[in-house]
Amino acid sequence: MPRRATIIEVALEAGASKTSVSRYFAGERDKLSPALCERVAAAALRLDYRPNQMARGLKAGRSRLIGMLVADIRNPFSVAVLHGVERACREQGLSLLVCNTDNDPELERTHLALMSSYQVEGLIINASGSPDTELQALTGQGLPLVLLDRELGAVQADLVGLDNAKAIDLALDHLAEQGYRELLYLSEPPERASPRRERLTRFQAGLAARRLAGEAYTMSASDEELARAIEAFLTRSAPKGSGDLPRALLCANGAVTLAATHALQRLGARLGKTGLMGIDELDWCALIDPGITTLAQPTETIGRQAVASLLANSVSQAAAEPRQHRFEPRLIARGSTRLTG
């Protein structure tokens, strides 16, 4: 790797002082003559000099760097929200440092220490564990913090994410209106993330309110076990005197929807006759015949709001009560919830 030119070499090449070159790259060109500016620019071009923006920012006490911790970068929801966060940062002249934890609490703590060493000006956290101690230490130092999607027990901070209660209500209302009367709710382990717990609790409460029958199933890592659970749900006899109750699956997120779709295909189930609905709109949902009904999260808006909340907290002098910014999903109805005989 070729050696990078230094600011001193640029100064010598331009016949200027190091202070003048520093002022040029710091944007203080009004303090320099036009001729000197031209010499510095030409020298930097000849030497292929690029200033170290990180070092300059740290020297000035501003890194202009935002840290974002993501539980699972492979999750389409995380990628879509990240897009909104990055665009909002770019518009504000901020850079974004993203670390993926792979749902590993130990790696999460390591990344938090890394971000602290880079002197990030704020943190957006989609937690995989419970790094309460580490985050409380950072917020105690005055670092602004916003929680993305997942709550943490002891950390008091703004939270941005989906209105989970509204999402489940929309799903139950839609399935009931389409004629489905018995539901199987599929979720990843709810104890690992607050949105899963909120959705499960709302599902259980919403069944009785709508006079629906239903149960919940927590997925394991085994596709075979999921397929057996779905098959048992679809083939069991209806309660005596209830007739044939139309049945549907409600999936807690995109990963669960994909796994359920694979299982239904293996079982030879016909979508529509067997209802299928998922939270999270993914590109492939429109491609599976006859299309999978989803609740689309406003991921771009969620990402932008996370940055807006972070910036608002960074300029606020007084400690404000944490706020929750919850956004409603959008129903995209397709053939998988169009009840057929």
C-alpha atoms as a PDB file:
ATOM      1  CA  MET A   1       0.000   0.000   0.000  1.00  0.00           C
ATOM      2  CA  PRO A   2       1.540   3.355  -1.014  1.00  0.00           C
ATOM      3  CA  ARG A   3       2.355   5.799   1.771  1.00  0.00           C
ATOM      4  CA  ARG A   4      -0.174   8.604   2.183  1.00  0.00           C
ATOM      5  CA  ALA A   5       1.018  12.178   1.849  1.00  0.00           C
ATOM      6  CA  THR A   6       1.020  14.286   5.001  1.00  0.00           C
ATOM      7  CA  ILE A   7      -0.216  17.811   5.601  1.00  0.00           C
ATOM      8  CA  ILE A   8       3.385  18.943   6.106  1.00  0.00           C
ATOM      9  CA  GLU A   9       4.327  17.658   2.649  1.00  0.00           C
ATOM     10  CA  VAL A  10       1.384  19.543   1.151  1.00  0.00           C
ATOM     11  CA  ALA A  11       2.547  22.705   2.921  1.00  0.00           C
ATOM     12  CA  LEU A  12       6.084  22.307   1.552  1.00  0.00           C
ATOM     13  CA  GLU A  13       4.778  21.588  -1.947  1.00  0.00           C
ATOM     14  CA  ALA A  14       2.520  24.651  -1.858  1.00  0.00           C
ATOM     15  CA  GLY A  15       5.094  26.937  -0.251  1.00  0.00           C
ATOM     16  CA  ALA A  16       2.712  27.590   2.626  1.00  0.00           C
ATOM     17  CA  SER A  17       2.588  27.067   6.367  1.00  0.00           C
ATOM     18  CA  LYS A  18       0.989  24.015   7.955  1.00  0.00           C
ATOM     19  CA  THR A  19      -1.521  26.342   9.630  1.00  0.00           C
ATOM     20  CA  SER A  20      -2.626  27.741   6.265  1.00  0.00           C
ATOM     21  CA  VAL A  21      -3.109  24.265   4.821  1.00  0.00           C
ATOM     22  CA  SER A  22      -5.111  23.229   7.901  1.00  0.00           C
ATOM     23  CA  ARG A  23      -7.323  26.273   7.505  1.00  0.00           C
ATOM     24  CA  TYR A  24      -7.885  25.440   3.839  1.00  0.00           C
ATOM     25  CA  PHE A  25      -9.131  21.930   4.606  1.00  0.00           C
ATOM     26  CA  ALA A  26     -11.108  23.115   7.643  1.00  0.00           C
ATOM     27  CA  GLY A  27     -13.199  25.343   5.379  1.00  0.00           C
ATOM     28  CA  GLU A  28     -11.646  28.609   6.641  1.00  0.00           C
ATOM     29  CA  ARG A  29     -10.615  29.711   3.163  1.00  0.00           C
ATOM     30  CA  ASP A  30     -11.884  33.237   3.707  1.00  0.00           C
ATOM     31  CA  LYS A  31      -8.798  33.732   5.894  1.00  0.00           C
ATOM     32  CA  LEU A  32      -6.490  32.845   2.991  1.00  0.00           C
ATOM     33  CA  SER A  33      -5.722  34.673  -0.228  1.00  0.00           C
ATOM     34  CA  PRO A  34      -7.187  33.260  -3.480  1.00  0.00           C
ATOM     35  CA  ALA A  35      -3.667  32.634  -4.775  1.00  0.00           C
ATOM     36  CA  LEU A  36      -2.716  30.650  -1.679  1.00  0.00           C
ATOM     37  CA  CYS A  37      -5.911  28.601  -1.930  1.00  0.00           C
ATOM     38  CA  GLU A  38      -5.042  27.723  -5.522  1.00  0.00           C
ATOM     39  CA  ARG A  39      -1.508  26.641  -4.545  1.00  0.00           C
ATOM     40  CA  VAL A  40      -2.771  24.426  -1.707  1.00  0.00           C
ATOM     41  CA  ALA A  41      -5.422  22.829  -3.924  1.00  0.00           C
ATOM     42  CA  ALA A  42      -2.884  22.144  -6.672  1.00  0.00           C
ATOM     43  CA  ALA A  43      -0.354  20.691  -4.213  1.00  0.00           C
ATOM     44  CA  ALA A  44      -2.975  18.411  -2.649  1.00  0.00           C
ATOM     45  CA  LEU A  45      -3.993  17.198  -6.109  1.00  0.00           C
ATOM     46  CA  ARG A  46      -0.399  16.462  -7.157  1.00  0.00           C
ATOM     47  CA  LEU A  47       0.310  14.562  -3.932  1.00  0.00           C
ATOM     48  CA  ASP A  48      -3.102  12.838  -3.896  1.00  0.00           C
ATOM     49  CA  TYR A  49      -3.586  14.149  -0.363  1.00  0.00           C
ATOM     50  CA  ARG A  50      -6.844  13.395   1.448  1.00  0.00           C
ATOM     51  CA  PRO A  51      -7.332  14.807   4.957  1.00  0.00           C
ATOM     52  CA  ASN A  52      -8.203  12.433   7.776  1.00  0.00           C
ATOM     53  CA  GLN A  53     -11.702  13.639   8.561  1.00  0.00           C
ATOM     54  CA  MET A  54     -11.977  11.434  11.655  1.00  0.00           C
ATOM     55  CA  ALA A  55      -8.822  12.853  13.202  1.00  0.00           C
ATOM     56  CA  ARG A  56      -9.881  16.408  12.387  1.00  0.00           C
ATOM     57  CA  GLY A  57     -13.289  15.841  13.934  1.00  0.00           C
ATOM     58  CA  LEU A  58     -11.886  14.339  17.129  1.00  0.00           C
ATOM     59  CA  LYS A  59      -9.429  17.215  17.477  1.00  0.00           C
ATOM     60  CA  ALA A  60     -12.340  19.648  17.189  1.00  0.00           C
ATOM     61  CA  GLY A  61     -14.414  17.635  19.678  1.00  0.00           C
ATOM     62  CA  ARG A  62     -16.920  16.481  17.036  1.00  0.00           C
ATOM     63  CA  SER A  63     -16.690  13.141  15.273  1.00  0.00           C
ATOM     64  CA  ARG A  64     -19.866  13.706  13.198  1.00  0.00           C
ATOM     65  CA  LEU A  65     -20.261   9.937  13.562  1.00  0.00           C
ATOM     66  CA  ILE A  66     -23.432   8.081  14.584  1.00  0.00           C
ATOM     67  CA  GLY A  67     -23.239   4.486  15.786  1.00  0.00           C
ATOM     68  CA  MET A  68     -25.902   1.913  14.951  1.00  0.00           C
ATOM     69  CA  LEU A  69     -26.014  -1.519  16.551  1.00  0.00           C
ATOM     70  CA  VAL A  70     -28.077  -4.098  14.629  1.00  0.00           C
ATOM     71  CA  ALA A  71     -29.127  -7.445  16.106  1.00  0.00           C
ATOM     72  CA  ASP A  72     -29.187  -9.262  12.747  1.00  0.00           C
ATOM     73  CA  ILE A  73     -28.111  -7.510   9.550  1.00  0.00           C
ATOM     74  CA  ARG A  74     -29.592 -10.372   7.491  1.00  0.00           C
ATOM     75  CA  ASN A  75     -33.086  -9.443   8.644  1.00  0.00           C
ATOM     76  CA  PRO A  76     -34.832  -7.557   5.797  1.00  0.00           C
ATOM     77  CA  PHE A  77     -36.466  -5.260   8.367  1.00  0.00           C
ATOM     78  CA  SER A  78     -33.038  -4.250   9.679  1.00  0.00           C
ATOM     79  CA  VAL A  79     -31.717  -3.564   6.179  1.00  0.00           C
ATOM     80  CA  ALA A  80     -34.740  -1.450   5.251  1.00  0.00           C
ATOM     81  CA  VAL A  81     -34.572   0.608   8.460  1.00  0.00           C
ATOM     82  CA  LEU A  82     -30.815   0.999   8.012  1.00  0.00           C
ATOM     83  CA  HIS A  83     -31.487   2.576   4.621  1.00  0.00           C
ATOM     84  CA  GLY A  84     -33.669   5.225   6.247  1.00  0.00           C
ATOM     85  CA  VAL A  85     -31.110   5.860   8.994  1.00  0.00           C
ATOM     86  CA  GLU A  86     -28.249   6.249   6.519  1.00  0.00           C
ATOM     87  CA  ARG A  87     -30.148   8.655   4.277  1.00  0.00           C
ATOM     88  CA  ALA A  88     -31.164  10.809   7.227  1.00  0.00           C
ATOM     89  CA  CYS A  89     -27.575  10.878   8.506  1.00  0.00           C
ATOM     90  CA  ARG A  90     -26.233  11.827   5.092  1.00  0.00           C
ATOM     91  CA  GLU A  91     -28.697  14.698   4.807  1.00  0.00           C
ATOM     92  CA  GLN A  92     -27.452  16.003   8.167  1.00  0.00           C
ATOM     93  CA  GLY A  93     -23.778  15.735   7.225  1.00  0.00           C
ATOM     94  CA  LEU A  94     -23.254  12.756   9.518  1.00  0.00           C
ATOM     95  CA  SER A  95     -21.463   9.472   8.895  1.00  0.00           C
ATOM     96  CA  LEU A  96     -22.839   6.138  10.082  1.00  0.00           C
ATOM     97  CA  LEU A  97     -20.889   3.348  11.782  1.00  0.00           C
ATOM     98  CA  VAL A  98     -22.885   0.090  11.684  1.00  0.00           C
ATOM     99  CA  CYS A  99     -22.057  -3.004  13.745  1.00  0.00           C
ATOM    100  CA  ASN A 100     -23.878  -6.332  13.427  1.00  0.00           C
ATOM    101  CA  THR A 101     -24.115  -8.464  16.570  1.00  0.00           C
ATOM    102  CA  ASP A 102     -25.543 -11.669  15.037  1.00  0.00           C
ATOM    103  CA  ASN A 103     -27.820 -11.818  18.109  1.00  0.00           C
ATOM    104  CA  ASP A 104     -24.746 -12.431  20.268  1.00  0.00           C
ATOM    105  CA  PRO A 105     -24.845 -10.448  23.563  1.00  0.00           C
ATOM    106  CA  GLU A 106     -21.078 -10.768  24.057  1.00  0.00           C
ATOM    107  CA  LEU A 107     -20.386  -9.391  20.575  1.00  0.00           C
ATOM    108  CA  GLU A 108     -22.885  -6.639  21.349  1.00  0.00           C
ATOM    109  CA  ARG A 109     -20.835  -5.509  24.342  1.00  0.00           C
ATOM    110  CA  THR A 110     -17.654  -5.614  22.258  1.00  0.00           C
ATOM    111  CA  HIS A 111     -19.204  -3.417  19.570  1.00  0.00           C
ATOM    112  CA  LEU A 112     -20.469  -0.926  22.159  1.00  0.00           C
ATOM    113  CA  ALA A 113     -16.919  -0.539  23.460  1.00  0.00           C
ATOM    114  CA  LEU A 114     -15.678  -0.080  19.891  1.00  0.00           C
ATOM    115  CA  MET A 115     -18.221   2.632  19.163  1.00  0.00           C
ATOM    116  CA  SER A 116     -17.330   4.408  22.379  1.00  0.00           C
ATOM    117  CA  SER A 117     -13.666   4.411  21.356  1.00  0.00           C
ATOM    118  CA  TYR A 118     -14.629   6.116  18.084  1.00  0.00           C
ATOM    119  CA  GLN A 119     -16.391   8.830  20.123  1.00  0.00           C
ATOM    120  CA  VAL A 120     -19.694   8.504  18.296  1.00  0.00           C
ATOM    121  CA  GLU A 121     -22.056  11.417  18.898  1.00  0.00           C
ATOM    122  CA  GLY A 122     -25.087   9.191  19.398  1.00  0.00           C
ATOM    123  CA  LEU A 123     -26.257   5.575  19.330  1.00  0.00           C
ATOM    124  CA  ILE A 124     -29.186   3.839  17.643  1.00  0.00           C
ATOM    125  CA  ILE A 125     -29.604   0.438  19.289  1.00  0.00           C
ATOM    126  CA  ASN A 126     -31.461  -2.611  17.988  1.00  0.00           C
ATOM    127  CA  ALA A 127     -30.452  -4.806  20.906  1.00  0.00           C
ATOM    128  CA  SER A 128     -29.941  -8.559  20.773  1.00  0.00           C
ATOM    129  CA  GLY A 129     -29.288  -8.948  24.498  1.00  0.00           C
ATOM    130  CA  SER A 130     -29.648  -6.747  27.553  1.00  0.00           C
ATOM    131  CA  PRO A 131     -26.590  -4.468  27.608  1.00  0.00           C
ATOM    132  CA  ASP A 132     -28.205  -2.291  30.280  1.00  0.00           C
ATOM    133  CA  THR A 133     -25.026  -1.703  32.296  1.00  0.00           C
ATOM    134  CA  GLU A 134     -22.960  -0.673  29.284  1.00  0.00           C
ATOM    135  CA  LEU A 135     -25.662   1.597  27.869  1.00  0.00           C
ATOM    136  CA  GLN A 136     -26.366   3.230  31.225  1.00  0.00           C
ATOM    137  CA  ALA A 137     -22.668   4.025  31.530  1.00  0.00           C
ATOM    138  CA  LEU A 138     -22.687   5.671  28.102  1.00  0.00           C
ATOM    139  CA  THR A 139     -25.865   7.655  28.702  1.00  0.00           C
ATOM    140  CA  GLY A 140     -24.461   8.690  32.074  1.00  0.00           C
ATOM    141  CA  GLN A 141     -21.655  10.367  30.126  1.00  0.00           C
ATOM    142  CA  GLY A 142     -24.243  12.354  28.185  1.00  0.00           C
ATOM    143  CA  LEU A 143     -24.307  10.227  25.030  1.00  0.00           C
ATOM    144  CA  PRO A 144     -27.710  10.442  23.252  1.00  0.00           C
ATOM    145  CA  LEU A 145     -29.382   7.074  22.717  1.00  0.00           C
ATOM    146  CA  VAL A 146     -32.416   5.847  20.771  1.00  0.00           C
ATOM    147  CA  LEU A 147     -33.808   2.309  20.948  1.00  0.00           C
ATOM    148  CA  LEU A 148     -34.906   0.803  17.648  1.00  0.00           C
ATOM    149  CA  ASP A 149     -37.816  -1.660  17.701  1.00  0.00           C
ATOM    150  CA  ARG A 150     -36.786  -3.405  20.939  1.00  0.00           C
ATOM    151  CA  GLU A 151     -37.176  -2.113  24.493  1.00  0.00           C
ATOM    152  CA  LEU A 152     -34.593  -2.635  27.220  1.00  0.00           C
ATOM    153  CA  GLY A 153     -35.651  -3.004  30.828  1.00  0.00           C
ATOM    154  CA  ALA A 154     -33.409  -0.579  32.704  1.00  0.00           C
ATOM    155  CA  VAL A 155     -32.474   1.819  29.905  1.00  0.00           C
ATOM    156  CA  GLN A 156     -34.551   4.983  29.692  1.00  0.00           C
ATOM    157  CA  ALA A 157     -34.449   6.254  26.108  1.00  0.00           C
ATOM    158  CA  ASP A 158     -36.683   7.185  23.200  1.00  0.00           C
ATOM    159  CA  LEU A 159     -37.992   4.175  21.297  1.00  0.00           C
ATOM    160  CA  VAL A 160     -38.900   4.104  17.608  1.00  0.00           C
ATOM    161  CA  GLY A 161     -40.732   1.190  16.015  1.00  0.00           C
ATOM    162  CA  LEU A 162     -43.969  -0.443  14.963  1.00  0.00           C
ATOM    163  CA  ASP A 163     -47.249  -0.085  16.834  1.00  0.00           C
ATOM    164  CA  ASN A 164     -47.375  -3.804  17.610  1.00  0.00           C
ATOM    165  CA  ALA A 165     -50.842  -3.740  19.159  1.00  0.00           C
ATOM    166  CA  LYS A 166     -52.249  -1.975  16.098  1.00  0.00           C
ATOM    167  CA  ALA A 167     -50.526  -4.462  13.801  1.00  0.00           C
ATOM    168  CA  ILE A 168     -52.073  -7.485  15.509  1.00  0.00           C
ATOM    169  CA  ASP A 169     -55.484  -5.801  15.648  1.00  0.00           C
ATOM    170  CA  LEU A 170     -55.334  -5.114  11.905  1.00  0.00           C
ATOM    171  CA  ALA A 171     -54.324  -8.709  11.216  1.00  0.00           C
ATOM    172  CA  LEU A 172     -57.067 -10.231  13.374  1.00  0.00           C
ATOM    173  CA  ASP A 173     -59.728  -7.913  11.969  1.00  0.00           C
ATOM    174  CA  HIS A 174     -58.688  -8.728   8.408  1.00  0.00           C
ATOM    175  CA  LEU A 175     -58.644 -12.491   8.949  1.00  0.00           C
ATOM    176  CA  ALA A 176     -62.014 -12.403  10.719  1.00  0.00           C
ATOM    177  CA  GLU A 177     -63.544 -10.297   7.947  1.00  0.00           C
ATOM    178  CA  GLN A 178     -62.289 -12.811   5.381  1.00  0.00           C
ATOM    179  CA  GLY A 179     -64.093 -15.620   7.209  1.00  0.00           C
ATOM    180  CA  TYR A 180     -61.267 -17.384   9.043  1.00  0.00           C
ATOM    181  CA  ARG A 181     -62.313 -18.608  12.481  1.00  0.00           C
ATOM    182  CA  GLU A 182     -59.360 -20.592  13.838  1.00  0.00           C
ATOM    183  CA  LEU A 183     -55.846 -19.165  13.860  1.00  0.00           C
ATOM    184  CA  LEU A 184     -52.345 -20.428  14.516  1.00  0.00           C
ATOM    185  CA  TYR A 185     -49.923 -17.682  15.524  1.00  0.00           C
ATOM    186  CA  LEU A 186     -46.305 -18.472  14.663  1.00  0.00           C
ATOM    187  CA  SER A 187     -43.423 -16.654  16.336  1.00  0.00           C
ATOM    188  CA  GLU A 188     -39.764 -16.911  17.143  1.00  0.00           C
ATOM    189  CA  PRO A 189     -38.994 -17.199  20.903  1.00  0.00           C
ATOM    190  CA  PRO A 190     -40.822 -14.217  22.457  1.00  0.00           C
ATOM    191  CA  GLU A 191     -38.522 -13.898  25.463  1.00  0.00           C
ATOM    192  CA  ARG A 192     -35.692 -12.699  23.221  1.00  0.00           C
ATOM    193  CA  ALA A 193     -37.321  -9.512  21.910  1.00  0.00           C
ATOM    194  CA  SER A 194     -39.975  -7.159  23.262  1.00  0.00           C
ATOM    195  CA  PRO A 195     -41.920  -6.823  19.948  1.00  0.00           C
ATOM    196  CA  ARG A 196     -42.477 -10.589  19.898  1.00  0.00           C
ATOM    197  CA  ARG A 197     -43.879 -10.480  23.436  1.00  0.00           C
ATOM    198  CA  GLU A 198     -46.122  -7.514  22.635  1.00  0.00           C
ATOM    199  CA  ARG A 199     -47.514  -9.184  19.510  1.00  0.00           C
ATOM    200  CA  LEU A 200     -48.115 -12.505  21.239  1.00  0.00           C
ATOM    201  CA  THR A 201     -49.902 -10.857  24.173  1.00  0.00           C
ATOM    202  CA  ARG A 202     -52.117  -8.840  21.836  1.00  0.00           C
ATOM    203  CA  PHE A 203     -52.927 -11.932  19.759  1.00  0.00           C
ATOM    204  CA  GLN A 204     -54.034 -13.892  22.807  1.00  0.00           C
ATOM    205  CA  ALA A 205     -56.195 -11.022  24.057  1.00  0.00           C
ATOM    206  CA  GLY A 206     -57.627 -10.325  20.606  1.00  0.00           C
ATOM    207  CA  LEU A 207     -58.981 -13.827  20.001  1.00  0.00           C
ATOM    208  CA  ALA A 208     -61.654 -13.652  22.682  1.00  0.00           C
ATOM    209  CA  ALA A 209     -62.675 -10.127  21.714  1.00  0.00           C
ATOM    210  CA  ARG A 210     -63.422 -11.353  18.181  1.00  0.00           C
ATOM    211  CA  ARG A 211     -64.785 -14.777  19.165  1.00  0.00           C
ATOM    212  CA  LEU A 212     -62.000 -16.531  17.315  1.00  0.00           C
ATOM    213  CA  ALA A 213     -60.364 -19.815  18.231  1.00  0.00           C
ATOM    214  CA  GLY A 214     -56.607 -19.977  18.161  1.00  0.00           C
ATOM    215  CA  GLU A 215     -53.289 -20.891  19.666  1.00  0.00           C
ATOM    216  CA  ALA A 216     -49.661 -19.841  19.464  1.00  0.00           C
ATOM    217  CA  TYR A 217     -46.626 -21.871  18.460  1.00  0.00           C
ATOM    218  CA  THR A 218     -43.024 -20.876  19.150  1.00  0.00           C
ATOM    219  CA  MET A 219     -40.709 -21.918  16.351  1.00  0.00           C
ATOM    220  CA  SER A 220     -37.547 -23.882  16.964  1.00  0.00           C
ATOM    221  CA  ALA A 221     -34.644 -24.153  14.571  1.00  0.00           C
ATOM    222  CA  SER A 222     -36.182 -27.292  13.040  1.00  0.00           C
ATOM    223  CA  ASP A 223     -38.197 -26.971   9.832  1.00  0.00           C
ATOM    224  CA  GLU A 224     -39.521 -30.477  10.442  1.00  0.00           C
ATOM    225  CA  GLU A 225     -41.024 -29.509  13.799  1.00  0.00           C
ATOM    226  CA  LEU A 226     -42.678 -26.443  12.274  1.00  0.00           C
ATOM    227  CA  ALA A 227     -44.167 -28.516   9.459  1.00  0.00           C
ATOM    228  CA  ARG A 228     -45.530 -31.050  11.955  1.00  0.00           C
ATOM    229  CA  ALA A 229     -47.080 -28.289  14.081  1.00  0.00           C
ATOM    230  CA  ILE A 230     -48.773 -26.725  11.044  1.00  0.00           C
ATOM    231  CA  GLU A 231     -49.974 -30.097   9.774  1.00  0.00           C
ATOM    232  CA  ALA A 232     -51.447 -30.941  13.190  1.00  0.00           C
ATOM    233  CA  PHE A 233     -53.255 -27.598  13.257  1.00  0.00           C
ATOM    234  CA  LEU A 234     -54.695 -28.012   9.761  1.00  0.00           C
ATOM    235  CA  THR A 235     -55.766 -31.649  10.069  1.00  0.00           C
ATOM    236  CA  ARG A 236     -57.171 -31.903  13.566  1.00  0.00           C
ATOM    237  CA  SER A 237     -60.898 -32.335  14.000  1.00  0.00           C
ATOM    238  CA  ALA A 238     -62.999 -29.265  14.708  1.00  0.00           C
ATOM    239  CA  PRO A 239     -64.740 -29.022  18.105  1.00  0.00           C
ATOM    240  CA  LYS A 240     -68.016 -30.955  18.164  1.00  0.00           C
ATOM    241  CA  GLY A 241     -70.901 -28.892  16.851  1.00  0.00           C
ATOM    242  CA  SER A 242     -68.710 -26.119  15.449  1.00  0.00           C
ATOM    243  CA  GLY A 243     -68.619 -27.352  11.878  1.00  0.00           C
ATOM    244  CA  ASP A 244     -65.577 -26.900   9.682  1.00  0.00           C
ATOM    245  CA  LEU A 245     -63.792 -23.774  10.920  1.00  0.00           C
ATOM    246  CA  PRO A 246     -61.708 -22.047   8.203  1.00  0.00           C
ATOM    247  CA  ARG A 247     -58.115 -21.900   9.421  1.00  0.00           C
ATOM    248  CA  ALA A 248     -55.278 -19.452   8.893  1.00  0.00           C
ATOM    249  CA  LEU A 249     -51.689 -18.885   9.956  1.00  0.00           C
ATOM    250  CA  LEU A 250     -50.547 -15.502  11.271  1.00  0.00           C
ATOM    251  CA  CYS A 251     -46.775 -15.003  11.210  1.00  0.00           C
ATOM    252  CA  ALA A 252     -44.996 -12.636  13.591  1.00  0.00           C
ATOM    253  CA  ASN A 253     -42.345 -11.442  11.120  1.00  0.00           C
ATOM    254  CA  GLY A 254     -40.840 -11.982   7.686  1.00  0.00           C
ATOM    255  CA  ALA A 255     -38.533 -14.830   8.697  1.00  0.00           C
ATOM    256  CA  VAL A 256     -41.479 -16.748  10.150  1.00  0.00           C
ATOM    257  CA  THR A 257     -43.597 -16.065   7.054  1.00  0.00           C
ATOM    258  CA  LEU A 258     -40.885 -17.565   4.854  1.00  0.00           C
ATOM    259  CA  ALA A 259     -40.590 -20.675   7.028  1.00  0.00           C
ATOM    260  CA  ALA A 260     -44.377 -21.112   7.117  1.00  0.00           C
ATOM    261  CA  THR A 261     -44.613 -20.729   3.335  1.00  0.00           C
ATOM    262  CA  HIS A 262     -42.044 -23.485   2.847  1.00  0.00           C
ATOM    263  CA  ALA A 263     -43.922 -25.733   5.276  1.00  0.00           C
ATOM    264  CA  LEU A 264     -47.281 -25.150   3.551  1.00  0.00           C
ATOM    265  CA  GLN A 265     -45.748 -25.913   0.158  1.00  0.00           C
ATOM    266  CA  ARG A 266     -44.323 -29.189   1.477  1.00  0.00           C
ATOM    267  CA  LEU A 267     -47.732 -30.096   2.898  1.00  0.00           C
ATOM    268  CA  GLY A 268     -49.461 -29.314  -0.391  1.00  0.00           C
ATOM    269  CA  ALA A 269     -51.761 -26.771   1.278  1.00  0.00           C
ATOM    270  CA  ARG A 270     -53.632 -24.362  -0.991  1.00  0.00           C
ATOM    271  CA  LEU A 271     -53.257 -20.718  -0.029  1.00  0.00           C
ATOM    272  CA  GLY A 272     -56.618 -19.102   0.434  1.00  0.00           C
ATOM    273  CA  LYS A 273     -58.288 -22.281   1.588  1.00  0.00           C
ATOM    274  CA  THR A 274     -55.598 -22.165   4.243  1.00  0.00           C
ATOM    275  CA  GLY A 275     -55.061 -18.525   5.119  1.00  0.00           C
ATOM    276  CA  LEU A 276     -51.565 -17.094   5.460  1.00  0.00           C
ATOM    277  CA  MET A 277     -50.648 -13.612   6.648  1.00  0.00           C
ATOM    278  CA  GLY A 278     -47.397 -12.100   7.873  1.00  0.00           C
ATOM    279  CA  ILE A 279     -46.024  -8.985   9.485  1.00  0.00           C
ATOM    280  CA  ASP A 280     -43.313  -7.451   7.227  1.00  0.00           C
ATOM    281  CA  GLU A 281     -43.684  -6.868   3.509  1.00  0.00           C
ATOM    282  CA  LEU A 282     -40.954  -8.675   1.575  1.00  0.00           C
ATOM    283  CA  ASP A 283     -40.371  -8.602  -2.188  1.00  0.00           C
ATOM    284  CA  TRP A 284     -41.062 -12.301  -2.664  1.00  0.00           C
ATOM    285  CA  CYS A 285     -44.502 -12.114  -0.993  1.00  0.00           C
ATOM    286  CA  ALA A 286     -46.019 -10.766  -4.212  1.00  0.00           C
ATOM    287  CA  LEU A 287     -44.401 -13.541  -6.276  1.00  0.00           C
ATOM    288  CA  ILE A 288     -45.843 -16.578  -4.469  1.00  0.00           C
ATOM    289  CA  ASP A 289     -49.137 -17.457  -6.177  1.00  0.00           C
ATOM    290  CA  PRO A 290     -51.717 -16.100  -5.279  1.00  0.00           C
ATOM    291  CA  GLY A 291     -49.677 -13.551  -3.314  1.00  0.00           C
ATOM    292  CA  ILE A 292     -49.174 -13.405   0.451  1.00  0.00           C
ATOM    293  CA  THR A 293     -51.077 -10.856   2.506  1.00  0.00           C
ATOM    294  CA  THR A 294     -48.760  -8.761   4.665  1.00  0.00           C
ATOM    295  CA  LEU A 295     -48.578  -5.809   7.010  1.00  0.00           C
ATOM    296  CA  ALA A 296     -45.883  -3.485   5.668  1.00  0.00           C
ATOM    297  CA  GLN A 297     -43.830  -1.619   8.235  1.00  0.00           C
ATOM    298  CA  PRO A 298     -42.911   2.007   7.349  1.00  0.00           C
ATOM    299  CA  THR A 299     -39.224   1.167   7.606  1.00  0.00           C
ATOM    300  CA  GLU A 300     -37.918   4.317   5.902  1.00  0.00           C
ATOM    301  CA  THR A 301     -39.966   6.490   8.263  1.00  0.00           C
ATOM    302  CA  ILE A 302     -38.843   4.474  11.287  1.00  0.00           C
ATOM    303  CA  GLY A 303     -35.185   4.908  10.316  1.00  0.00           C
ATOM    304  CA  ARG A 304     -35.546   8.639   9.755  1.00  0.00           C
ATOM    305  CA  GLN A 305     -37.403   9.115  13.029  1.00  0.00           C
ATOM    306  CA  ALA A 306     -34.614   7.332  14.895  1.00  0.00           C
ATOM    307  CA  VAL A 307     -32.119   9.893  13.607  1.00  0.00           C
ATOM    308  CA  ALA A 308     -34.494  12.795  14.269  1.00  0.00           C
ATOM    309  CA  SER A 309     -35.003  11.651  17.866  1.00  0.00           C
ATOM    310  CA  LEU A 310     -31.270  11.235  18.345  1.00  0.00           C
ATOM    311  CA  LEU A 311     -30.529  14.745  17.081  1.00  0.00           C
ATOM    312  CA  ALA A 312     -33.326  16.228  19.182  1.00  0.00           C
ATOM    313  CA  ASN A 313     -31.860  14.594  22.283  1.00  0.00           C
ATOM    314  CA  SER A 314     -28.347  15.791  21.446  1.00  0.00           C
ATOM    315  CA  VAL A 315     -29.369  19.470  21.338  1.00  0.00           C
ATOM    316  CA  SER A 316     -31.696  19.335  24.337  1.00  0.00           C
ATOM    317  CA  GLN A 317     -30.083  20.721  27.459  1.00  0.00           C
ATOM    318  CA  ALA A 318     -32.704  19.439  29.905  1.00  0.00           C
ATOM    319  CA  ALA A 319     -33.325  15.746  30.534  1.00  0.00           C
ATOM    320  CA  ALA A 320     -36.657  14.960  28.903  1.00  0.00           C
ATOM    321  CA  GLU A 321     -38.959  12.037  29.573  1.00  0.00           C
ATOM    322  CA  PRO A 322     -38.334   9.222  27.065  1.00  0.00           C
ATOM    323  CA  ARG A 323     -40.866   9.145  24.258  1.00  0.00           C
ATOM    324  CA  GLN A 324     -42.148   6.313  22.098  1.00  0.00           C
ATOM    325  CA  HIS A 325     -42.681   6.886  18.397  1.00  0.00           C
ATOM    326  CA  ARG A 326     -44.935   4.069  17.211  1.00  0.00           C
ATOM    327  CA  PHE A 327     -45.958   3.805  13.561  1.00  0.00           C
ATOM    328  CA  GLU A 328     -48.924   1.948  12.093  1.00  0.00           C
ATOM    329  CA  PRO A 329     -48.416  -0.739   9.441  1.00  0.00           C
ATOM    330  CA  ARG A 330     -50.110  -0.782   6.052  1.00  0.00           C
ATOM    331  CA  LEU A 331     -52.288  -3.736   5.062  1.00  0.00           C
ATOM    332  CA  ILE A 332     -51.428  -5.269   1.682  1.00  0.00           C
ATOM    333  CA  ALA A 333     -54.201  -7.777   0.980  1.00  0.00           C
ATOM    334  CA  ARG A 334     -53.456 -10.567  -1.492  1.00  0.00           C
ATOM    335  CA  GLY A 335     -54.861 -13.955  -2.404  1.00  0.00           C
ATOM    336  CA  SER A 336     -53.466 -15.884   0.566  1.00  0.00           C
ATOM    337  CA  THR A 337     -56.285 -14.505   2.752  1.00  0.00           C
ATOM    338  CA  ARG A 338     -59.045 -14.722   0.157  1.00  0.00           C
ATOM    339  CA  LEU A 339     -61.004 -17.664   1.557  1.00  0.00           C
ATOM    340  CA  THR A 340     -61.791 -20.273  -1.092  1.00  0.00           C
ATOM    341  CA  GLY A 341     -63.579 -23.592  -0.922  1.00  0.00           C
END
